[in-house]
Protein backbone atom coordinates (compact mmCIF):
# COMPACT_ATOMS: atom_id res chain seq x y z
CA UNK A 1 -2.06 -30.78 0.67
CA UNK A 2 -3.91 -27.49 0.95
CA UNK A 3 -6.29 -28.93 3.57
CA UNK A 4 -3.39 -30.18 5.67
CA UNK A 5 -1.79 -26.75 5.58
CA UNK A 6 -5.06 -25.10 6.59
CA UNK A 7 -5.37 -27.51 9.51
CA UNK A 8 -1.78 -26.73 10.50
CA UNK A 9 -2.62 -23.04 10.49
CA UNK A 10 -5.78 -23.63 12.52
CA UNK A 11 -3.86 -25.75 15.03
CA UNK A 12 -1.13 -23.11 15.25
CA UNK A 13 -3.58 -20.29 15.83
CA UNK A 14 -5.51 -22.31 18.46
CA UNK A 15 -2.32 -23.36 20.26
CA UNK A 16 -1.01 -19.81 20.13
CA UNK A 17 -4.11 -18.44 21.82
CA UNK A 18 -4.12 -21.25 24.39
CA UNK A 19 -0.66 -20.23 25.52
CA UNK A 20 -1.58 -16.55 25.65
CA UNK A 21 -4.77 -17.10 27.64
CA UNK A 22 -3.20 -19.59 30.12
CA UNK A 23 -0.19 -17.38 30.73
CA UNK A 24 -2.14 -14.21 31.17
CA UNK A 25 -4.74 -15.95 33.31
CA UNK A 26 -2.07 -17.17 35.76
CA UNK A 27 0.31 -14.25 35.85
CA UNK A 28 -1.16 -11.07 34.32
CA UNK A 29 -4.37 -10.23 36.13
CA UNK A 30 -4.42 -6.76 34.65
CA UNK A 31 -5.41 -8.25 31.27
CA UNK A 32 -8.72 -9.74 32.39
CA UNK A 33 -10.77 -7.04 30.71
CA UNK A 34 -8.77 -7.21 27.48
CA UNK A 35 -9.04 -11.02 27.35
CA UNK A 36 -12.70 -10.66 26.36
CA UNK A 37 -11.57 -9.00 23.16
CA UNK A 38 -8.90 -11.68 22.69
CA UNK A 39 -11.50 -14.47 22.98
CA UNK A 40 -13.68 -12.78 20.37
CA UNK A 41 -10.77 -12.60 18.00
CA UNK A 42 -9.89 -16.26 18.57
CA UNK A 43 -13.41 -17.42 17.75
CA UNK A 44 -13.43 -15.19 14.69
CA UNK A 45 -10.10 -16.62 13.51
CA UNK A 46 -11.22 -20.23 14.08
CA UNK A 47 -14.40 -19.71 12.08
CA UNK A 48 -12.58 -18.00 9.23
CA UNK A 49 -9.94 -20.74 9.13
CA UNK A 50 -12.67 -23.40 8.88
CA UNK A 51 -14.26 -21.48 6.01
CA UNK A 52 -10.82 -21.37 4.41
CA UNK A 53 -10.55 -25.14 4.67
CA UNK A 54 -13.98 -25.71 3.09
CA UNK A 55 -13.23 -23.28 0.27
CA UNK A 56 -10.03 -25.13 -0.55
CA UNK A 57 -11.94 -28.42 -0.78
CA UNK A 58 -14.54 -26.83 -3.05
CA UNK A 59 -11.76 -25.36 -5.15
CA UNK A 60 -10.32 -28.82 -5.84
CA UNK A 61 -13.72 -30.23 -6.76
CA UNK A 62 -14.34 -27.43 -9.23
CA UNK A 63 -11.18 -28.33 -11.13
CA UNK A 64 -12.76 -31.43 -12.61
CA UNK A 65 -16.06 -29.82 -13.54
CA UNK A 66 -15.63 -26.60 -15.48
CA UNK A 67 -13.48 -23.70 -16.72
CA UNK A 68 -14.06 -20.08 -16.08
CA UNK A 69 -14.38 -18.05 -19.25
CA UNK A 70 -12.81 -14.63 -19.43
CA UNK A 71 -14.81 -11.51 -19.72
CA UNK A 72 -12.47 -9.07 -21.45
CA UNK A 73 -13.77 -5.61 -21.03
CA UNK A 74 -13.02 -3.85 -24.31
CA UNK A 75 -16.28 -1.91 -24.38
CA UNK A 76 -15.79 1.58 -25.69
CA UNK A 77 -17.23 4.24 -23.41
CA UNK A 78 -17.62 7.90 -24.23
CA UNK A 79 -16.54 9.86 -21.18
CA UNK A 80 -18.35 13.19 -21.03
CA UNK A 81 -16.33 15.82 -19.19
CA UNK A 82 -19.46 17.81 -18.30
CA UNK A 83 -20.99 14.91 -16.38
CA UNK A 84 -23.91 15.69 -14.08
CA UNK A 85 -23.58 16.17 -10.35
CA UNK A 86 -25.37 12.88 -9.81
CA UNK A 87 -22.66 10.83 -11.50
CA UNK A 88 -21.03 8.38 -9.19
CA UNK A 89 -23.92 8.08 -6.72
CA UNK A 90 -24.36 4.48 -7.85
CA UNK A 91 -20.64 3.74 -7.35
CA UNK A 92 -19.97 0.57 -5.40
CA UNK A 93 -18.59 1.17 -1.93
CA UNK A 94 -19.02 -2.33 -0.52
CA UNK A 95 -16.03 -4.64 -0.56
CA UNK A 96 -18.28 -7.66 -1.05
CA UNK A 97 -19.62 -6.36 -4.36
CA UNK A 98 -16.40 -6.73 -6.38
CA UNK A 99 -15.72 -10.01 -4.60
CA UNK A 100 -19.06 -11.47 -5.65
CA UNK A 101 -18.75 -10.35 -9.27
CA UNK A 102 -15.14 -11.36 -9.89
CA UNK A 103 -14.37 -12.17 -13.51
CA UNK A 104 -11.29 -14.21 -14.51
CA UNK A 105 -9.42 -14.41 -17.80
CA UNK A 106 -10.16 -17.49 -19.91
CA UNK A 107 -6.49 -18.45 -19.93
CA UNK A 108 -6.89 -19.87 -16.43
CA UNK A 109 -8.53 -23.09 -15.36
CA UNK A 110 -10.69 -22.94 -12.28
CA UNK A 111 -8.35 -25.27 -10.44
CA UNK A 112 -5.57 -22.72 -10.75
CA UNK A 113 -7.66 -19.70 -9.78
CA UNK A 114 -8.60 -19.24 -6.11
CA UNK A 115 -12.23 -18.40 -5.47
CA UNK A 116 -12.78 -14.89 -4.22
CA UNK A 117 -14.29 -16.22 -0.99
CA UNK A 118 -11.06 -18.14 -0.41
CA UNK A 119 -9.00 -15.02 -1.05
CA UNK A 120 -11.08 -12.81 1.25
CA UNK A 121 -11.04 -15.40 4.04
CA UNK A 122 -7.29 -15.91 3.78
CA UNK A 123 -6.67 -12.17 3.85
CA UNK A 124 -8.97 -11.72 6.85
CA UNK A 125 -7.14 -14.39 8.86
CA UNK A 126 -3.78 -12.81 8.06
CA UNK A 127 -5.15 -9.42 9.12
CA UNK A 128 -6.50 -10.87 12.39
CA UNK A 129 -3.08 -12.32 13.13
CA UNK A 130 -1.40 -8.98 12.52
CA UNK A 131 -3.89 -7.13 14.71
CA UNK A 132 -3.49 -9.82 17.38
CA UNK A 133 0.24 -9.13 17.34
CA UNK A 134 -0.24 -5.36 17.61
CA UNK A 135 -2.70 -5.84 20.48
CA UNK A 136 -0.60 -8.32 22.46
CA UNK A 137 2.71 -6.48 22.09
CA UNK A 138 0.96 -3.23 23.01
CA UNK A 139 -0.38 -4.74 26.23
CA UNK A 140 3.02 -6.23 27.03
CA UNK A 141 4.56 -2.77 26.80
CA UNK A 142 1.94 -1.42 29.20
CA UNK A 143 2.62 -4.26 31.65
CA UNK A 144 6.37 -3.75 31.50
CA UNK A 145 5.86 -0.16 32.59
CA UNK A 146 3.49 -1.13 35.42
CA UNK A 147 5.36 -4.16 36.79
CA UNK A 148 8.91 -2.84 36.60
CA UNK A 149 12.15 -4.06 35.06
CA UNK A 150 12.81 -6.98 37.40
CA UNK A 151 9.54 -8.74 36.68
CA UNK A 152 9.71 -7.83 33.02
CA UNK A 153 13.15 -9.38 32.60
CA UNK A 154 12.25 -12.59 34.40
CA UNK A 155 8.73 -13.16 33.11
CA UNK A 156 7.43 -10.85 30.40
CA UNK A 157 10.54 -11.03 28.24
CA UNK A 158 10.40 -14.82 28.26
CA UNK A 159 6.71 -14.79 27.39
CA UNK A 160 7.23 -12.17 24.66
CA UNK A 161 10.02 -14.23 23.08
CA UNK A 162 7.97 -17.45 23.03
CA UNK A 163 4.86 -15.66 21.82
CA UNK A 164 6.79 -13.89 19.07
CA UNK A 165 8.32 -17.13 17.84
CA UNK A 166 4.99 -18.95 17.75
CA UNK A 167 3.30 -16.04 15.97
CA UNK A 168 6.09 -15.92 13.40
CA UNK A 169 5.70 -19.64 12.67
CA UNK A 170 1.92 -19.29 12.36
CA UNK A 171 2.17 -16.30 10.01
CA UNK A 172 4.71 -18.16 7.91
CA UNK A 173 2.38 -21.15 7.52
CA UNK A 174 -0.49 -18.83 6.73
CA UNK A 175 1.46 -17.14 3.95
CA UNK A 176 2.24 -20.49 2.35
CA UNK A 177 -1.45 -20.80 1.49
CA UNK A 178 -0.98 -18.12 -1.17
CA UNK A 179 1.00 -20.42 -3.43
CA UNK A 180 -0.68 -23.79 -2.85
CA UNK A 181 -2.06 -25.80 -5.79
CA UNK A 182 -0.82 -23.38 -8.45
CA UNK A 183 -2.57 -20.34 -6.97
CA UNK A 184 0.67 -18.39 -6.92
CA UNK A 185 1.12 -19.02 -10.64
CA UNK A 186 -2.41 -17.73 -11.26
CA UNK A 187 -1.76 -14.50 -9.38
CA UNK A 188 1.54 -13.88 -11.13
CA UNK A 189 0.03 -14.40 -14.58
CA UNK A 190 -3.06 -12.32 -13.75
CA UNK A 191 -0.86 -9.48 -12.48
CA UNK A 192 1.37 -9.57 -15.55
CA UNK A 193 -1.52 -9.59 -18.04
CA UNK A 194 -3.41 -6.79 -16.31
CA UNK A 195 -0.25 -4.74 -15.86
CA UNK A 196 0.51 -5.03 -19.58
CA UNK A 197 -3.04 -3.98 -20.42
CA UNK A 198 -2.93 -0.90 -18.17
CA UNK A 199 0.50 0.17 -19.41
CA UNK A 200 -0.76 -0.09 -23.00
CA UNK A 201 -3.73 2.12 -22.09
CA UNK A 202 -1.36 4.76 -20.70
CA UNK A 203 0.87 4.54 -23.77
CA UNK A 204 -2.04 5.08 -26.16
CA UNK A 205 -3.53 7.90 -24.11
CA UNK A 206 -0.18 9.67 -23.90
CA UNK A 207 0.67 9.32 -27.59
CA UNK A 208 -2.31 10.48 -29.67
CA UNK A 209 -2.04 10.38 -33.46
CA UNK A 210 -2.74 14.10 -33.74
CA UNK A 211 -1.60 16.16 -30.75
CA UNK A 212 -3.22 19.34 -32.06
CA UNK A 213 -6.67 17.77 -31.88
CA UNK A 214 -6.10 15.80 -28.68
CA UNK A 215 -7.55 17.02 -25.40
CA UNK A 216 -4.67 17.80 -23.09
CA UNK A 217 -4.13 18.32 -19.38
CA UNK A 218 -1.13 20.44 -18.42
CA UNK A 219 0.74 19.38 -15.29
CA UNK A 220 3.09 22.10 -14.04
CA UNK A 221 5.88 20.85 -11.81
CA UNK A 222 6.21 23.80 -9.45
CA UNK A 223 4.33 22.86 -6.28
CA UNK A 224 5.94 24.54 -3.28
CA UNK A 225 6.99 21.44 -1.36
CA UNK A 226 9.64 18.71 -1.19
CA UNK A 227 10.53 16.08 -3.78
CA UNK A 228 8.10 13.39 -2.60
CA UNK A 229 5.24 15.88 -2.50
CA UNK A 230 6.04 17.17 -6.00
CA UNK A 231 6.20 13.64 -7.41
CA UNK A 232 2.83 12.85 -5.85
CA UNK A 233 1.54 15.94 -7.68
CA UNK A 234 2.67 14.37 -10.97
CA UNK A 235 0.98 11.06 -10.09
CA UNK A 236 -2.25 12.93 -9.32
CA UNK A 237 -1.96 14.71 -12.69
CA UNK A 238 -1.69 11.39 -14.50
CA UNK A 239 -4.70 9.94 -12.67
CA UNK A 240 -6.85 12.97 -13.54
CA UNK A 241 -5.66 12.89 -17.15
CA UNK A 242 -6.64 9.23 -17.43
CA UNK A 243 -10.00 9.82 -15.72
CA UNK A 244 -10.88 12.77 -17.99
CA UNK A 245 -9.65 11.21 -21.25
CA UNK A 246 -6.90 13.80 -21.70
CA UNK A 247 -3.25 13.46 -22.66
CA UNK A 248 -1.06 14.71 -19.82
CA UNK A 249 1.51 17.30 -20.91
CA UNK A 250 4.39 17.91 -18.52
CA UNK A 251 5.54 21.48 -17.92
CA UNK A 252 8.73 21.21 -15.87
CA UNK A 253 10.48 24.38 -17.04
CA UNK A 254 12.14 25.98 -14.03
CA UNK A 255 11.83 22.89 -11.82
CA UNK A 256 13.86 23.77 -8.77
CA UNK A 257 15.29 20.26 -8.46
CA UNK A 258 16.85 20.27 -11.93
CA UNK A 259 17.47 22.78 -14.70
CA UNK A 260 16.98 19.90 -17.13
CA UNK A 261 13.41 19.44 -15.95
CA UNK A 262 11.57 16.13 -15.78
CA UNK A 263 13.36 14.66 -18.77
CA UNK A 264 16.74 15.09 -17.17
CA UNK A 265 15.98 12.00 -15.08
CA UNK A 266 12.89 10.34 -16.58
CA UNK A 267 11.70 9.46 -20.06
CA UNK A 268 9.13 11.86 -21.57
CA UNK A 269 5.56 11.19 -20.47
CA UNK A 270 4.67 11.49 -24.17
CA UNK A 271 6.67 10.97 -27.35
CA UNK A 272 4.18 12.67 -29.65
CA UNK A 273 2.40 15.34 -27.62
CA UNK A 274 4.39 17.90 -25.65
CA UNK A 275 2.68 21.06 -26.81
CA UNK A 276 1.21 23.01 -23.88
CA UNK A 277 -0.83 25.21 -26.21
CA UNK A 278 -1.86 28.83 -25.87
CA UNK A 279 -3.83 30.51 -23.10
CA UNK A 280 -4.66 29.13 -19.70
CA UNK A 281 -8.00 27.47 -19.12
CA UNK A 282 -7.97 26.05 -15.61
CA UNK A 283 -9.70 22.89 -14.44
CA UNK A 284 -12.84 24.53 -13.06
CA UNK A 285 -13.51 26.31 -16.36
CA UNK A 286 -12.60 23.31 -18.51
CA UNK A 287 -14.74 20.98 -16.46
CA UNK A 288 -17.92 22.18 -18.15
CA UNK A 289 -16.61 23.57 -21.43
CA UNK A 290 -14.67 20.66 -22.97
CA UNK A 291 -11.70 22.98 -23.50
CA UNK A 292 -8.98 21.56 -25.70
CA UNK A 293 -6.21 22.33 -23.18
CA UNK A 294 -6.78 22.53 -19.43
CA UNK A 295 -4.30 23.40 -16.68
CA UNK A 296 -4.59 21.36 -13.49
CA UNK A 297 -4.27 23.04 -10.08
CA UNK A 298 -2.69 21.30 -7.08
CA UNK A 299 -4.82 18.60 -5.49
CA UNK A 300 -5.66 20.77 -2.48
CA UNK A 301 -7.28 23.41 -4.72
CA UNK A 302 -9.09 21.36 -7.37
CA UNK A 303 -12.78 22.20 -7.74
CA UNK A 304 -15.07 20.52 -8.37
CA UNK A 305 -13.37 17.49 -6.83
CA UNK A 306 -13.54 14.50 -9.19
CA UNK A 307 -14.80 11.16 -7.90
CA UNK A 308 -11.63 9.65 -9.39
CA UNK A 309 -9.24 11.29 -6.90
CA UNK A 310 -7.20 8.87 -4.74
CA UNK A 311 -8.00 6.39 -3.38
CA UNK A 312 -10.50 5.57 -6.15
CA UNK A 313 -10.07 2.48 -8.33
CA UNK A 314 -11.41 2.21 -11.91
CA UNK A 315 -14.64 0.21 -11.93
CA UNK A 316 -13.62 -1.87 -14.96
CA UNK A 317 -10.38 -3.00 -13.25
CA UNK A 318 -11.31 -3.50 -9.61
CA UNK A 319 -12.60 -7.09 -9.91
CA UNK A 320 -9.49 -8.26 -11.70
CA UNK A 321 -7.12 -6.46 -9.32
CA UNK A 322 -8.96 -7.87 -6.29
CA UNK A 323 -8.36 -11.41 -7.49
CA UNK A 324 -4.61 -11.14 -6.81
CA UNK A 325 -4.01 -7.98 -4.76
CA UNK A 326 -5.38 -7.14 -1.32
CA UNK A 327 -5.44 -3.35 -1.75
CA UNK A 328 -6.62 -2.46 -5.27
CA UNK A 329 -5.77 1.25 -5.09
CA UNK A 330 -2.18 0.51 -4.12
CA UNK A 331 -1.83 -1.71 -7.21
CA UNK A 332 -3.49 0.95 -9.38
CA UNK A 333 -1.26 3.82 -8.17
CA UNK A 334 1.72 1.49 -8.53
CA UNK A 335 0.88 1.12 -12.22
CA UNK A 336 0.77 4.90 -12.61
CA UNK A 337 4.23 5.01 -11.03
CA UNK A 338 5.48 2.29 -13.37
CA UNK A 339 4.53 4.40 -16.39
CA UNK A 340 5.82 7.72 -15.09
CA UNK A 341 9.11 6.63 -13.52
CA UNK A 342 10.84 5.15 -16.53
CA UNK A 343 14.42 6.27 -16.14
CA UNK A 344 16.64 7.88 -18.71
CA UNK A 345 19.48 5.45 -19.64
CA UNK A 346 22.01 7.62 -17.80
CA UNK A 347 19.93 7.61 -14.59
CA UNK A 348 19.31 3.88 -14.87
CA UNK A 349 23.03 3.25 -15.19
CA UNK A 350 23.82 5.45 -12.18
CA UNK A 351 21.33 3.53 -10.04
CA UNK A 352 22.84 0.19 -11.09
CA UNK A 353 26.32 1.51 -10.33
CA UNK A 354 25.16 2.58 -6.85
CA UNK A 355 23.65 -0.83 -6.15
CA UNK A 356 26.91 -2.56 -7.07
CA UNK A 357 29.02 -0.06 -5.13
CA UNK A 358 27.18 -0.40 -1.82
CA UNK A 359 26.40 -4.13 -2.18
CA UNK A 360 22.63 -3.93 -2.58
CA UNK A 361 21.17 -7.42 -3.06
CA UNK A 362 18.34 -9.62 -1.83
CA UNK A 363 17.38 -10.53 0.82
CA UNK A 364 17.32 -7.01 2.16
CA UNK A 365 15.13 -4.82 4.37
CA UNK A 366 14.78 -1.19 3.33
CA UNK A 367 14.60 1.35 6.17
CA UNK A 368 13.87 5.04 5.66
CA UNK A 369 14.57 7.29 8.64
CA UNK A 370 13.54 10.93 8.40
CA UNK A 371 15.31 13.19 10.88
CA UNK A 372 15.69 16.78 9.65
CA UNK A 373 13.11 19.45 8.76
CA UNK A 374 9.87 17.51 9.36
CA UNK A 375 10.57 16.00 12.81
CA UNK A 376 8.37 17.38 15.60
CA UNK A 377 6.47 19.38 12.96
CA UNK A 378 4.83 16.76 10.73
CA UNK A 379 6.05 13.63 12.51
CA UNK A 380 7.47 12.32 15.77
CA UNK A 381 11.04 11.08 16.16
CA UNK A 382 11.48 7.31 16.19
CA UNK A 383 14.55 5.54 17.54
CA UNK A 384 16.50 3.01 15.50
CA UNK A 385 15.31 0.23 17.78
CA UNK A 386 11.74 0.74 16.54
CA UNK A 387 12.82 0.17 12.93
CA UNK A 388 15.16 -2.75 13.68
CA UNK A 389 12.45 -4.59 15.61
CA UNK A 390 10.56 -5.13 12.34
CA UNK A 391 13.71 -5.98 10.40
CA UNK A 392 14.44 -8.72 12.96
CA UNK A 393 10.92 -10.13 12.69
CA UNK A 394 11.21 -10.21 8.89
CA UNK A 395 14.45 -12.18 9.00
CA UNK A 396 13.19 -14.49 11.75
CA UNK A 397 10.34 -15.52 9.47
CA UNK A 398 12.53 -15.73 6.38
CA UNK A 399 14.90 -18.12 8.15
CA UNK A 400 12.06 -20.58 8.61
CA UNK A 401 12.16 -21.10 4.82
CA UNK A 402 15.78 -20.56 3.82
CA UNK A 403 19.30 -20.10 5.13
CA UNK A 404 20.15 -16.42 5.58
CA UNK A 405 23.88 -15.74 5.73
CA UNK A 406 23.58 -11.99 6.20
CA UNK A 407 20.81 -9.90 7.69
CA UNK A 408 21.20 -7.02 5.27
CA UNK A 409 19.57 -3.59 5.76
CA UNK A 410 19.55 -0.69 3.30
CA UNK A 411 19.42 2.54 5.30
CA UNK A 412 18.13 5.67 3.56
CA UNK A 413 18.21 8.77 5.73
CA UNK A 414 18.78 12.51 5.75
CA UNK A 415 21.00 12.25 8.84
CA UNK A 416 24.56 11.41 7.83
CA UNK A 417 25.66 10.18 11.29
CA UNK A 418 22.95 7.53 11.53
CA UNK A 419 24.88 4.82 9.65
CA UNK A 420 27.68 4.71 12.21
CA UNK A 421 25.14 4.65 15.04
CA UNK A 422 23.34 1.71 13.43
CA UNK A 423 26.52 -0.29 12.88
CA UNK A 424 27.66 0.30 16.45
CA UNK A 425 24.39 -0.56 18.17
CA UNK A 426 23.23 -3.44 15.96
CA UNK A 427 26.22 -5.56 14.86
CA UNK A 428 23.98 -8.52 13.98
CA UNK A 429 22.83 -6.60 10.88
CA UNK A 430 24.88 -5.57 7.88
CA UNK A 431 23.98 -1.96 7.10
CA UNK A 432 24.55 -0.51 3.65
CA UNK A 433 23.85 3.09 2.75
CA UNK A 434 24.77 5.91 0.40
CA UNK A 435 26.41 8.36 2.79
CA UNK A 436 26.81 10.96 0.05
CA UNK A 437 23.06 10.92 -0.58
CA UNK A 438 22.50 11.43 3.17
CA UNK A 439 24.75 14.48 3.18
CA UNK A 440 23.06 15.98 0.12
CA UNK A 441 19.61 15.40 1.64
CA UNK A 442 20.36 18.16 4.13
CA UNK A 443 18.58 21.50 3.78
CA UNK A 444 21.68 23.24 2.38
CA UNK A 445 22.02 20.96 -0.66
CA UNK A 446 18.51 19.61 -1.15
CA UNK A 447 17.76 21.27 -4.49
CA UNK A 448 20.97 20.37 -6.32
CA UNK A 449 21.33 17.98 -9.26
CA UNK A 450 23.43 15.64 -7.10
CA UNK A 451 20.78 15.65 -4.37
CA UNK A 452 18.09 14.81 -6.94
CA UNK A 453 20.03 11.74 -8.06
CA UNK A 454 20.49 10.74 -4.42
CA UNK A 455 16.80 10.84 -3.54
CA UNK A 456 15.68 9.17 -6.80
CA UNK A 457 18.13 6.31 -6.30
CA UNK A 458 17.30 5.95 -2.59
CA UNK A 459 13.58 5.68 -3.36
CA UNK A 460 14.27 3.14 -6.10
CA UNK A 461 16.35 0.96 -3.75
CA UNK A 462 13.74 1.21 -0.99
CA UNK A 463 11.12 0.05 -3.51
CA UNK A 464 13.31 -2.89 -4.57
CA UNK A 465 13.74 -4.06 -0.97
CA UNK A 466 12.03 -7.24 0.16
CA UNK A 467 10.45 -5.48 3.14
CA UNK A 468 10.04 -1.78 3.93
CA UNK A 469 10.10 -0.12 7.36
CA UNK A 470 9.45 3.62 7.50
CA UNK A 471 6.93 6.26 8.52
CA UNK A 472 3.94 6.83 6.24
CA UNK A 473 3.86 10.45 7.38
CA UNK A 474 6.77 10.79 4.92
CA UNK A 475 6.00 11.33 1.23
CA UNK A 476 9.26 9.52 0.37
CA UNK A 477 8.19 6.47 2.36
CA UNK A 478 4.76 6.33 0.73
CA UNK A 479 6.27 6.83 -2.72
CA UNK A 480 8.68 3.92 -2.21
CA UNK A 481 5.74 1.75 -1.09
CA UNK A 482 3.68 2.71 -4.15
CA UNK A 483 6.53 1.92 -6.54
CA UNK A 484 7.22 -1.34 -4.69
CA UNK A 485 3.70 -2.49 -5.53
CA UNK A 486 4.43 -2.16 -9.25
CA UNK A 487 7.32 -4.62 -8.85
CA UNK A 488 5.44 -7.42 -7.06
CA UNK A 489 2.19 -9.29 -7.53
CA UNK A 490 1.05 -8.06 -4.13
CA UNK A 491 3.38 -6.07 -1.86
CA UNK A 492 0.52 -4.50 0.11
CA UNK A 493 1.75 -6.06 3.37
CA UNK A 494 5.50 -5.95 2.72
CA UNK A 495 5.87 -2.94 4.99
CA UNK A 496 5.57 -1.61 8.51
CA UNK A 497 4.82 2.04 9.17
CA UNK A 498 5.79 3.39 12.56
CA UNK A 499 3.16 6.11 12.50
CA UNK A 500 0.39 6.73 9.95
CA UNK A 501 -1.63 4.30 7.89
CA UNK A 502 -1.28 4.71 4.13
CA UNK A 503 -2.93 7.82 2.71
CA UNK A 504 -2.64 10.03 -0.37
CA UNK A 505 -2.43 13.74 0.36
CA UNK A 506 -5.64 15.48 -0.80
CA UNK A 507 -7.49 12.17 -1.17
CA UNK A 508 -11.23 11.73 -1.02
CA UNK A 509 -12.66 10.30 2.18
CA UNK A 510 -11.08 7.03 3.34
CA UNK A 511 -13.79 4.78 4.78
CA UNK A 512 -13.97 1.56 6.75
CA UNK A 513 -17.04 -0.51 7.60
CA UNK A 514 -17.85 -2.21 10.90
CA UNK A 515 -18.13 -6.00 10.66
CA UNK A 516 -18.74 -6.57 14.37
CA UNK A 517 -20.59 -4.78 17.13
CA UNK A 518 -18.63 -2.91 19.78
CA UNK A 519 -19.75 -1.16 22.98
CA UNK A 520 -17.55 1.64 24.27
CA UNK A 521 -15.91 0.72 27.58
CA UNK A 522 -14.42 4.10 28.45
CA UNK A 523 -14.59 7.73 27.37
CA UNK A 524 -12.11 7.39 24.52
CA UNK A 525 -13.93 4.57 22.71
CA UNK A 526 -16.95 4.71 20.38
CA UNK A 527 -19.81 2.30 19.74
CA UNK A 528 -19.98 0.26 16.55
CA UNK A 529 -22.93 -1.44 14.93
CA UNK A 530 -22.52 -3.91 12.08
CA UNK A 531 -22.58 -1.97 8.81
CA UNK A 532 -21.52 1.38 10.31
CA UNK A 533 -19.34 3.44 7.98
CA UNK A 534 -16.51 5.42 9.51
CA UNK A 535 -13.91 7.91 8.30
CA UNK A 536 -10.64 6.34 9.38
CA UNK A 537 -8.07 8.60 11.03
CA UNK A 538 -5.35 6.08 11.84
CA UNK A 539 -4.21 2.79 13.30
CA UNK A 540 -2.38 3.09 16.62
CA UNK A 541 -0.59 -0.26 15.94
CA UNK A 542 -1.63 -1.48 19.40
CA UNK A 543 -4.84 -3.26 18.41
CA UNK A 544 -6.89 -0.07 18.23
CA UNK A 545 -7.78 2.39 15.47
CA UNK A 546 -9.32 5.85 15.51
CA UNK A 547 -12.18 7.02 13.29
CA UNK A 548 -15.27 9.22 13.02
CA UNK A 549 -18.58 7.33 12.96
CA UNK A 550 -20.98 8.50 10.25
CA UNK A 551 -23.92 7.21 12.29
CA UNK A 552 -23.18 8.77 15.69
CA UNK A 553 -20.87 11.61 14.54
CA UNK A 554 -18.60 10.59 17.42
CA UNK A 555 -14.83 10.22 17.03
CA UNK A 556 -12.86 7.73 19.07
CA UNK A 557 -11.01 4.43 19.18
CA UNK A 558 -12.18 0.84 18.76
CA UNK A 559 -10.59 -2.60 18.21
CA UNK A 560 -9.08 -2.55 14.73
CA UNK A 561 -10.16 -6.08 13.85
CA UNK A 562 -13.84 -5.08 14.02
CA UNK A 563 -13.76 -3.10 10.76
CA UNK A 564 -12.74 -3.73 7.15
CA UNK A 565 -11.65 -1.45 4.32
CA UNK A 566 -14.24 0.00 1.95
CA UNK A 567 -12.93 0.09 -1.60
CA UNK A 568 -13.63 3.42 -3.26
CA UNK A 569 -14.76 2.56 -6.81
CA UNK A 570 -15.38 5.22 -9.45
CA UNK A 571 -16.23 5.38 -13.14
CA UNK A 572 -13.21 5.91 -15.36
CA UNK A 573 -13.14 5.69 -19.15
CA UNK A 574 -13.06 2.12 -20.44
CA UNK A 575 -10.18 2.24 -22.83
CA UNK A 576 -10.64 -0.24 -25.68
CA UNK A 577 -10.46 0.34 -29.43
CA UNK A 578 -11.31 3.98 -29.17
CA UNK A 579 -10.26 7.40 -30.41
CA UNK A 580 -8.37 9.88 -28.29
CA UNK A 581 -9.17 12.86 -30.49
CA UNK A 582 -11.62 15.72 -30.16
CA UNK A 583 -14.89 14.92 -31.93
């Protein structure tokens, strides 16, 4: 069964590229230069799909031969807060390392657990298909501008429609591979078990037996920025508390969003330890003194910068996360969100009431449109048509697998007139929205109790959507994406950003590694050699990305499919049967 599906995918990909190359060869002479890149990507995809097929065969054969025993990592590790400057130099930065050393729980038979080579190959093929789509649609846009409306309507639009349909079918078949032969059950169980383990670690860390003797990290909720930015400050606090073996204590007195502070909307981060203590020893001083209570500065000012800052993943978790999730840090930060954003019963009830009132139910696409204070300052303005393009593609693919009666869209925005505009221009979609929340998101009401409820509930509904379309330049958008990944086994690709790639404000360097050679063809491009590390700046969503090469110190663009993510792995405490008290 799995082999037949792999062959179907391979046939679909091959047929898809045959159409593209024939059409462009006959009608679109301007794409001759770009077709060289297209051919490279086709060969790459064919090879990876063949590897995928062989791995699936090997996977079946393994079922009858052996079981994989679990390696539960309950080793107690003493985490010394005055670690040397050399700590972390041995940290793994190669994606292949966690893949090769994957360990699986003993509750799973080999036949139900995909090999890591299978997983990596499947993910690569899906990524190539996505980049192929960005590249092809980007070139079509360029051609439409050059050839004019008449030709575009008669030729390019027809080609784009047929290409889009074939790509959608191919992606749909590719995604079916995730659940073949019980592999979906494995991922779901692995995610649930690991999530339970991590949540228990947080619970123990945050509820020491003796608060007076517990090392604490004070997180003050007063950063001078918007709601999404302030919430990311709290997430950062929790990550640093976990990495330094300290109980996080929330100080939300005077929070400008609510006189009730954090606990007006969320459950306490600790039931047993809320004492801030006396005096103020800040992070830089506490770093080398083992102070009982330390106050954490904002992420932009922390010094020395810990290796555990985003987007670092705990070394003892990364193998397990990688077995079911494509982007380990996104899963990890999602777990931090799951612990922190436990609603007070009153807030939980208000969110449920809102869902019932506006008719929020699956299937649904969540769209966040930011239009007020940040436009043309932090981000560009994007028209509704850019968002609805991705909503249409999501439903086109969904309808290959099920009957969809209503193409439902949840619209979260700070512009109150946008709902009427959407309903007028796009009658094929059913738009639902909280218009009161949109009004209160304006600058005049932003720091009211009612506005706080509006933004909390909007983010929650965006995170519960089946697919998310937004701009990652927005803290609200990124927060919804992070929370979404705590609700699914792997929601790393259940989104489309119209501008930035995912990032965490104040993060350590985000690296990618070249997997293919590339020679610059014009002044804006840079050379790549296999193994080059680069600091990624962004994906232009047209088949090209921008980065700074560590080898040449040159910054420029290159084909996105020629690099892969480097997972940032750092040493965190290994929480097993251990004490959380000062020794």
